[in-house]
Amino acid sequence: MECVYEKYIRDFRCKYYILKTTKGYVGIKIEKINPNGEILEECSVENVDKDERKVRELLRRINKGKVTPITLKDVIADSAI
């Protein structure tokens, strides 16, 4: 798991990760963290695509759009990857 982005959004921060699975798929994980460092929410999707470049581009857009863990699965489902 590789943390690629970290973004402060209002009173919390989100960390955005690239996941690599044993079956060759690349996934995404987001953690929502409070100011005390406690993880409030997290969500991961392990089988986004086998092309890491495409997943990194999607993760860049997710970070730019300030996507939180609660909406990650919907955003990935709606993406054109």
PDB file of N, CA and C in Angstrom:
ATOM      1  N   MET A   1       0.845  -1.173   0.000  1.00  0.00           N
ATOM      2  CA  MET A   1       0.000   0.000   0.000  1.00  0.00           C
ATOM      3  C   MET A   1       0.891   1.237   0.000  1.00  0.00           C
ATOM      4  N   GLU A   2       0.584   2.144  -0.913  1.00  0.00           N
ATOM      5  CA  GLU A   2       1.391   3.363  -1.075  1.00  0.00           C
ATOM      6  C   GLU A   2       0.497   4.589  -0.929  1.00  0.00           C
ATOM      7  N   CYS A   3       0.797   5.460   0.029  1.00  0.00           N
ATOM      8  CA  CYS A   3       0.058   6.712   0.186  1.00  0.00           C
ATOM      9  C   CYS A   3       0.534   7.667  -0.906  1.00  0.00           C
ATOM     10  N   VAL A   4      -0.399   8.088  -1.755  1.00  0.00           N
ATOM     11  CA  VAL A   4      -0.060   8.934  -2.897  1.00  0.00           C
ATOM     12  C   VAL A   4      -0.421  10.391  -2.637  1.00  0.00           C
ATOM     13  N   TYR A   5      -1.536  10.624  -1.958  1.00  0.00           N
ATOM     14  CA  TYR A   5      -1.992  11.984  -1.681  1.00  0.00           C
ATOM     15  C   TYR A   5      -2.475  12.091  -0.241  1.00  0.00           C
ATOM     16  N   GLU A   6      -2.398  13.295   0.292  1.00  0.00           N
ATOM     17  CA  GLU A   6      -2.986  13.610   1.588  1.00  0.00           C
ATOM     18  C   GLU A   6      -3.566  15.006   1.474  1.00  0.00           C
ATOM     19  N   LYS A   7      -4.847  15.152   1.819  1.00  0.00           N
ATOM     20  CA  LYS A   7      -5.530  16.424   1.619  1.00  0.00           C
ATOM     21  C   LYS A   7      -6.316  16.793   2.867  1.00  0.00           C
ATOM     22  N   TYR A   8      -6.191  18.050   3.280  1.00  0.00           N
ATOM     23  CA  TYR A   8      -6.981  18.563   4.397  1.00  0.00           C
ATOM     24  C   TYR A   8      -8.290  19.118   3.851  1.00  0.00           C
ATOM     25  N   ILE A   9      -9.390  18.654   4.441  1.00  0.00           N
ATOM     26  CA  ILE A   9     -10.727  19.071   4.027  1.00  0.00           C
ATOM     27  C   ILE A   9     -11.467  19.482   5.297  1.00  0.00           C
ATOM     28  N   ARG A  10     -11.743  20.756   5.431  1.00  0.00           N
ATOM     29  CA  ARG A  10     -12.380  21.306   6.639  1.00  0.00           C
ATOM     30  C   ARG A  10     -11.641  20.856   7.895  1.00  0.00           C
ATOM     31  N   ASP A  11     -12.297  20.122   8.780  1.00  0.00           N
ATOM     32  CA  ASP A  11     -11.693  19.751  10.059  1.00  0.00           C
ATOM     33  C   ASP A  11     -11.148  18.319  10.092  1.00  0.00           C
ATOM     34  N   PHE A  12     -10.899  17.744   8.937  1.00  0.00           N
ATOM     35  CA  PHE A  12     -10.302  16.419   8.873  1.00  0.00           C
ATOM     36  C   PHE A  12      -9.377  16.345   7.673  1.00  0.00           C
ATOM     37  N   ARG A  13      -8.663  15.239   7.551  1.00  0.00           N
ATOM     38  CA  ARG A  13      -7.820  15.038   6.376  1.00  0.00           C
ATOM     39  C   ARG A  13      -8.106  13.671   5.789  1.00  0.00           C
ATOM     40  N   CYS A  14      -7.858  13.533   4.513  1.00  0.00           N
ATOM     41  CA  CYS A  14      -8.018  12.259   3.818  1.00  0.00           C
ATOM     42  C   CYS A  14      -6.672  11.827   3.274  1.00  0.00           C
ATOM     43  N   LYS A  15      -6.414  10.543   3.397  1.00  0.00           N
ATOM     44  CA  LYS A  15      -5.214   9.950   2.809  1.00  0.00           C
ATOM     45  C   LYS A  15      -5.670   9.005   1.706  1.00  0.00           C
ATOM     46  N   TYR A  16      -5.021   9.110   0.556  1.00  0.00           N
ATOM     47  CA  TYR A  16      -5.393   8.362  -0.642  1.00  0.00           C
ATOM     48  C   TYR A  16      -4.265   7.387  -0.988  1.00  0.00           C
ATOM     49  N   TYR A  17      -4.619   6.111  -1.107  1.00  0.00           N
ATOM     50  CA  TYR A  17      -3.628   5.054  -1.307  1.00  0.00           C
ATOM     51  C   TYR A  17      -3.853   4.294  -2.606  1.00  0.00           C
ATOM     52  N   ILE A  18      -2.748   3.777  -3.159  1.00  0.00           N
ATOM     53  CA  ILE A  18      -2.769   2.791  -4.237  1.00  0.00           C
ATOM     54  C   ILE A  18      -2.537   1.430  -3.580  1.00  0.00           C
ATOM     55  N   LEU A  19      -3.388   0.467  -3.940  1.00  0.00           N
ATOM     56  CA  LEU A  19      -3.246  -0.899  -3.442  1.00  0.00           C
ATOM     57  C   LEU A  19      -2.852  -1.805  -4.584  1.00  0.00           C
ATOM     58  N   LYS A  20      -1.960  -2.740  -4.330  1.00  0.00           N
ATOM     59  CA  LYS A  20      -1.593  -3.747  -5.330  1.00  0.00           C
ATOM     60  C   LYS A  20      -1.966  -5.113  -4.767  1.00  0.00           C
ATOM     61  N   THR A  21      -2.785  -5.850  -5.518  1.00  0.00           N
ATOM     62  CA  THR A  21      -3.243  -7.151  -5.049  1.00  0.00           C
ATOM     63  C   THR A  21      -2.401  -8.268  -5.648  1.00  0.00           C
ATOM     64  N   THR A  22      -2.546  -9.430  -5.083  1.00  0.00           N
ATOM     65  CA  THR A  22      -1.779 -10.581  -5.563  1.00  0.00           C
ATOM     66  C   THR A  22      -2.290 -11.091  -6.905  1.00  0.00           C
ATOM     67  N   LYS A  23      -3.488 -10.720  -7.301  1.00  0.00           N
ATOM     68  CA  LYS A  23      -4.052 -11.177  -8.571  1.00  0.00           C
ATOM     69  C   LYS A  23      -3.784 -10.220  -9.719  1.00  0.00           C
ATOM     70  N   GLY A  24      -2.902  -9.246  -9.505  1.00  0.00           N
ATOM     71  CA  GLY A  24      -2.520  -8.325 -10.565  1.00  0.00           C
ATOM     72  C   GLY A  24      -3.381  -7.087 -10.692  1.00  0.00           C
ATOM     73  N   TYR A  25      -4.383  -6.973  -9.855  1.00  0.00           N
ATOM     74  CA  TYR A  25      -5.224  -5.784  -9.902  1.00  0.00           C
ATOM     75  C   TYR A  25      -4.623  -4.674  -9.049  1.00  0.00           C
ATOM     76  N   VAL A  26      -5.004  -3.438  -9.391  1.00  0.00           N
ATOM     77  CA  VAL A  26      -4.592  -2.263  -8.631  1.00  0.00           C
ATOM     78  C   VAL A  26      -5.867  -1.659  -8.056  1.00  0.00           C
ATOM     79  N   GLY A  27      -5.798  -1.255  -6.798  1.00  0.00           N
ATOM     80  CA  GLY A  27      -6.972  -0.706  -6.141  1.00  0.00           C
ATOM     81  C   GLY A  27      -6.696   0.636  -5.505  1.00  0.00           C
ATOM     82  N   ILE A  28      -7.728   1.152  -4.842  1.00  0.00           N
ATOM     83  CA  ILE A  28      -7.676   2.459  -4.190  1.00  0.00           C
ATOM     84  C   ILE A  28      -8.241   2.336  -2.779  1.00  0.00           C
ATOM     85  N   LYS A  29      -7.621   3.037  -1.849  1.00  0.00           N
ATOM     86  CA  LYS A  29      -8.111   3.105  -0.479  1.00  0.00           C
ATOM     87  C   LYS A  29      -8.088   4.559  -0.028  1.00  0.00           C
ATOM     88  N   ILE A  30      -9.119   4.963   0.724  1.00  0.00           N
ATOM     89  CA  ILE A  30      -9.174   6.299   1.305  1.00  0.00           C
ATOM     90  C   ILE A  30      -9.432   6.152   2.803  1.00  0.00           C
ATOM     91  N   GLU A  31      -8.690   6.947   3.582  1.00  0.00           N
ATOM     92  CA  GLU A  31      -8.920   7.042   5.021  1.00  0.00           C
ATOM     93  C   GLU A  31      -9.292   8.483   5.354  1.00  0.00           C
ATOM     94  N   LYS A  32     -10.332   8.652   6.175  1.00  0.00           N
ATOM     95  CA  LYS A  32     -10.716   9.965   6.694  1.00  0.00           C
ATOM     96  C   LYS A  32     -10.251  10.016   8.142  1.00  0.00           C
ATOM     97  N   ILE A  33      -9.411  10.998   8.482  1.00  0.00           N
ATOM     98  CA  ILE A  33      -8.724  11.045   9.767  1.00  0.00           C
ATOM     99  C   ILE A  33      -9.043  12.365  10.479  1.00  0.00           C
ATOM    100  N   ASN A  34      -9.346  12.274  11.779  1.00  0.00           N
ATOM    101  CA  ASN A  34      -9.636  13.492  12.544  1.00  0.00           C
ATOM    102  C   ASN A  34      -8.334  14.148  13.013  1.00  0.00           C
ATOM    103  N   PRO A  35      -8.415  15.346  13.617  1.00  0.00           N
ATOM    104  CA  PRO A  35      -7.198  16.046  14.049  1.00  0.00           C
ATOM    105  C   PRO A  35      -6.369  15.282  15.083  1.00  0.00           C
ATOM    106  N   ASN A  36      -6.985  14.331  15.802  1.00  0.00           N
ATOM    107  CA  ASN A  36      -6.255  13.530  16.789  1.00  0.00           C
ATOM    108  C   ASN A  36      -5.558  12.316  16.168  1.00  0.00           C
ATOM    109  N   GLY A  37      -5.700  12.141  14.851  1.00  0.00           N
ATOM    110  CA  GLY A  37      -5.058  11.019  14.170  1.00  0.00           C
ATOM    111  C   GLY A  37      -5.881   9.746  14.144  1.00  0.00           C
ATOM    112  N   GLU A  38      -7.119   9.809  14.612  1.00  0.00           N
ATOM    113  CA  GLU A  38      -7.987   8.632  14.612  1.00  0.00           C
ATOM    114  C   GLU A  38      -8.668   8.486  13.256  1.00  0.00           C
ATOM    115  N   ILE A  39      -8.724   7.263  12.748  1.00  0.00           N
ATOM    116  CA  ILE A  39      -9.406   7.003  11.485  1.00  0.00           C
ATOM    117  C   ILE A  39     -10.909   6.976  11.749  1.00  0.00           C
ATOM    118  N   LEU A  40     -11.632   7.888  11.114  1.00  0.00           N
ATOM    119  CA  LEU A  40     -13.077   7.987  11.280  1.00  0.00           C
ATOM    120  C   LEU A  40     -13.814   7.082  10.311  1.00  0.00           C
ATOM    121  N   GLU A  41     -13.341   7.025   9.088  1.00  0.00           N
ATOM    122  CA  GLU A  41     -13.936   6.203   8.029  1.00  0.00           C
ATOM    123  C   GLU A  41     -12.814   5.706   7.146  1.00  0.00           C
ATOM    124  N   GLU A  42     -13.031   4.555   6.533  1.00  0.00           N
ATOM    125  CA  GLU A  42     -12.114   4.081   5.502  1.00  0.00           C
ATOM    126  C   GLU A  42     -12.884   3.206   4.531  1.00  0.00           C
ATOM    127  N   CYS A  43     -12.417   3.196   3.305  1.00  0.00           N
ATOM    128  CA  CYS A  43     -13.025   2.376   2.272  1.00  0.00           C
ATOM    129  C   CYS A  43     -11.942   2.006   1.270  1.00  0.00           C
ATOM    130  N   SER A  44     -12.001   0.772   0.789  1.00  0.00           N
ATOM    131  CA  SER A  44     -11.053   0.365  -0.251  1.00  0.00           C
ATOM    132  C   SER A  44     -11.783  -0.461  -1.305  1.00  0.00           C
ATOM    133  N   VAL A  45     -11.309  -0.327  -2.525  1.00  0.00           N
ATOM    134  CA  VAL A  45     -11.772  -1.126  -3.657  1.00  0.00           C
ATOM    135  C   VAL A  45     -10.520  -1.732  -4.265  1.00  0.00           C
ATOM    136  N   GLU A  46     -10.392  -3.049  -4.170  1.00  0.00           N
ATOM    137  CA  GLU A  46      -9.139  -3.706  -4.535  1.00  0.00           C
ATOM    138  C   GLU A  46      -8.994  -4.007  -6.018  1.00  0.00           C
ATOM    139  N   ASN A  47     -10.071  -4.155  -6.751  1.00  0.00           N
ATOM    140  CA  ASN A  47      -9.973  -4.586  -8.146  1.00  0.00           C
ATOM    141  C   ASN A  47     -10.459  -3.521  -9.122  1.00  0.00           C
ATOM    142  N   VAL A  48      -9.855  -2.339  -9.046  1.00  0.00           N
ATOM    143  CA  VAL A  48     -10.269  -1.247  -9.929  1.00  0.00           C
ATOM    144  C   VAL A  48      -9.878  -1.546 -11.373  1.00  0.00           C
ATOM    145  N   ASP A  49      -8.632  -1.912 -11.607  1.00  0.00           N
ATOM    146  CA  ASP A  49      -8.146  -2.217 -12.963  1.00  0.00           C
ATOM    147  C   ASP A  49      -6.772  -2.870 -12.844  1.00  0.00           C
ATOM    148  N   LYS A  50      -6.327  -3.513 -13.917  1.00  0.00           N
ATOM    149  CA  LYS A  50      -4.978  -4.091 -13.923  1.00  0.00           C
ATOM    150  C   LYS A  50      -3.933  -3.093 -14.419  1.00  0.00           C
ATOM    151  N   ASP A  51      -4.379  -1.998 -15.009  1.00  0.00           N
ATOM    152  CA  ASP A  51      -3.475  -0.969 -15.531  1.00  0.00           C
ATOM    153  C   ASP A  51      -3.223   0.087 -14.441  1.00  0.00           C
ATOM    154  N   GLU A  52      -2.055   0.042 -13.838  1.00  0.00           N
ATOM    155  CA  GLU A  52      -1.743   0.959 -12.734  1.00  0.00           C
ATOM    156  C   GLU A  52      -1.795   2.411 -13.168  1.00  0.00           C
ATOM    157  N   ARG A  53      -1.406   2.699 -14.381  1.00  0.00           N
ATOM    158  CA  ARG A  53      -1.420   4.080 -14.875  1.00  0.00           C
ATOM    159  C   ARG A  53      -2.846   4.646 -14.859  1.00  0.00           C
ATOM    160  N   LYS A  54      -3.812   3.842 -15.292  1.00  0.00           N
ATOM    161  CA  LYS A  54      -5.214   4.284 -15.291  1.00  0.00           C
ATOM    162  C   LYS A  54      -5.724   4.506 -13.869  1.00  0.00           C
ATOM    163  N   VAL A  55      -5.341   3.622 -12.965  1.00  0.00           N
ATOM    164  CA  VAL A  55      -5.792   3.749 -11.579  1.00  0.00           C
ATOM    165  C   VAL A  55      -5.171   4.982 -10.932  1.00  0.00           C
ATOM    166  N   ARG A  56      -3.902   5.250 -11.216  1.00  0.00           N
ATOM    167  CA  ARG A  56      -3.260   6.454 -10.673  1.00  0.00           C
ATOM    168  C   ARG A  56      -3.923   7.731 -11.200  1.00  0.00           C
ATOM    169  N   GLU A  57      -4.324   7.727 -12.449  1.00  0.00           N
ATOM    170  CA  GLU A  57      -5.019   8.882 -13.022  1.00  0.00           C
ATOM    171  C   GLU A  57      -6.386   9.057 -12.353  1.00  0.00           C
ATOM    172  N   LEU A  58      -7.092   7.961 -12.134  1.00  0.00           N
ATOM    173  CA  LEU A  58      -8.372   8.025 -11.427  1.00  0.00           C
ATOM    174  C   LEU A  58      -8.166   8.539 -10.007  1.00  0.00           C
ATOM    175  N   LEU A  59      -7.130   8.065  -9.331  1.00  0.00           N
ATOM    176  CA  LEU A  59      -6.844   8.512  -7.977  1.00  0.00           C
ATOM    177  C   LEU A  59      -6.507  10.006  -7.955  1.00  0.00           C
ATOM    178  N   ARG A  60      -5.826  10.500  -8.968  1.00  0.00           N
ATOM    179  CA  ARG A  60      -5.531  11.931  -9.061  1.00  0.00           C
ATOM    180  C   ARG A  60      -6.835  12.731  -9.134  1.00  0.00           C
ATOM    181  N   ARG A  61      -7.784  12.247  -9.943  1.00  0.00           N
ATOM    182  CA  ARG A  61      -9.075  12.931 -10.064  1.00  0.00           C
ATOM    183  C   ARG A  61      -9.882  12.832  -8.764  1.00  0.00           C
ATOM    184  N   ILE A  62      -9.806  11.686  -8.110  1.00  0.00           N
ATOM    185  CA  ILE A  62     -10.493  11.493  -6.828  1.00  0.00           C
ATOM    186  C   ILE A  62      -9.943  12.466  -5.788  1.00  0.00           C
ATOM    187  N   ASN A  63      -8.627  12.601  -5.730  1.00  0.00           N
ATOM    188  CA  ASN A  63      -7.996  13.541  -4.801  1.00  0.00           C
ATOM    189  C   ASN A  63      -8.411  14.977  -5.120  1.00  0.00           C
ATOM    190  N   LYS A  64      -8.368  15.337  -6.385  1.00  0.00           N
ATOM    191  CA  LYS A  64      -8.729  16.696  -6.791  1.00  0.00           C
ATOM    192  C   LYS A  64     -10.183  17.009  -6.434  1.00  0.00           C
ATOM    193  N   GLY A  65     -11.049  16.009  -6.534  1.00  0.00           N
ATOM    194  CA  GLY A  65     -12.468  16.197  -6.228  1.00  0.00           C
ATOM    195  C   GLY A  65     -12.814  16.048  -4.760  1.00  0.00           C
ATOM    196  N   LYS A  66     -11.791  15.824  -3.922  1.00  0.00           N
ATOM    197  CA  LYS A  66     -11.979  15.700  -2.469  1.00  0.00           C
ATOM    198  C   LYS A  66     -12.979  14.596  -2.113  1.00  0.00           C
ATOM    199  N   VAL A  67     -12.868  13.466  -2.790  1.00  0.00           N
ATOM    200  CA  VAL A  67     -13.746  12.330  -2.517  1.00  0.00           C
ATOM    201  C   VAL A  67     -13.403  11.751  -1.149  1.00  0.00           C
ATOM    202  N   THR A  68     -14.438  11.421  -0.381  1.00  0.00           N
ATOM    203  CA  THR A  68     -14.259  10.829   0.935  1.00  0.00           C
ATOM    204  C   THR A  68     -14.592   9.330   0.866  1.00  0.00           C
ATOM    205  N   PRO A  69     -14.253   8.577   1.915  1.00  0.00           N
ATOM    206  CA  PRO A  69     -14.487   7.130   1.880  1.00  0.00           C
ATOM    207  C   PRO A  69     -15.941   6.738   1.608  1.00  0.00           C
ATOM    208  N   ILE A  70     -16.877   7.514   2.102  1.00  0.00           N
ATOM    209  CA  ILE A  70     -18.286   7.145   1.969  1.00  0.00           C
ATOM    210  C   ILE A  70     -18.770   7.146   0.515  1.00  0.00           C
ATOM    211  N   THR A  71     -18.108   7.912  -0.357  1.00  0.00           N
ATOM    212  CA  THR A  71     -18.543   7.983  -1.755  1.00  0.00           C
ATOM    213  C   THR A  71     -17.583   7.290  -2.721  1.00  0.00           C
ATOM    214  N   LEU A  72     -16.505   6.693  -2.227  1.00  0.00           N
ATOM    215  CA  LEU A  72     -15.490   6.106  -3.107  1.00  0.00           C
ATOM    216  C   LEU A  72     -16.074   5.076  -4.068  1.00  0.00           C
ATOM    217  N   LYS A  73     -16.859   4.131  -3.573  1.00  0.00           N
ATOM    218  CA  LYS A  73     -17.391   3.066  -4.440  1.00  0.00           C
ATOM    219  C   LYS A  73     -18.282   3.626  -5.536  1.00  0.00           C
ATOM    220  N   ASP A  74     -19.100   4.629  -5.230  1.00  0.00           N
ATOM    221  CA  ASP A  74     -19.948   5.247  -6.238  1.00  0.00           C
ATOM    222  C   ASP A  74     -19.129   5.962  -7.302  1.00  0.00           C
ATOM    223  N   VAL A  75     -18.083   6.670  -6.879  1.00  0.00           N
ATOM    224  CA  VAL A  75     -17.237   7.396  -7.831  1.00  0.00           C
ATOM    225  C   VAL A  75     -16.533   6.415  -8.766  1.00  0.00           C
ATOM    226  N   ILE A  76     -16.022   5.324  -8.226  1.00  0.00           N
ATOM    227  CA  ILE A  76     -15.362   4.336  -9.062  1.00  0.00           C
ATOM    228  C   ILE A  76     -16.355   3.688 -10.021  1.00  0.00           C
ATOM    229  N   ALA A  77     -17.554   3.382  -9.551  1.00  0.00           N
ATOM    230  CA  ALA A  77     -18.579   2.783 -10.407  1.00  0.00           C
ATOM    231  C   ALA A  77     -18.968   3.718 -11.548  1.00  0.00           C
ATOM    232  N   ASP A  78     -18.960   5.016 -11.292  1.00  0.00           N
ATOM    233  CA  ASP A  78     -19.333   6.008 -12.309  1.00  0.00           C
ATOM    234  C   ASP A  78     -18.177   6.406 -13.224  1.00  0.00           C
ATOM    235  N   SER A  79     -16.957   5.991 -12.894  1.00  0.00           N
ATOM    236  CA  SER A  79     -15.801   6.401 -13.698  1.00  0.00           C
ATOM    237  C   SER A  79     -15.751   5.619 -15.005  1.00  0.00           C
ATOM    238  N   ALA A  80     -15.025   6.151 -15.939  1.00  0.00           N
ATOM    239  CA  ALA A  80     -14.905   5.531 -17.256  1.00  0.00           C
ATOM    240  C   ALA A  80     -13.647   4.695 -17.374  1.00  0.00           C
ATOM    241  N   ILE A  81     -13.264   4.014 -16.309  1.00  0.00           N
ATOM    242  CA  ILE A  81     -12.033   3.209 -16.340  1.00  0.00           C
ATOM    243  C   ILE A  81     -12.363   1.790 -16.767  1.00  0.00           C
TER     244      ILE A  81
END
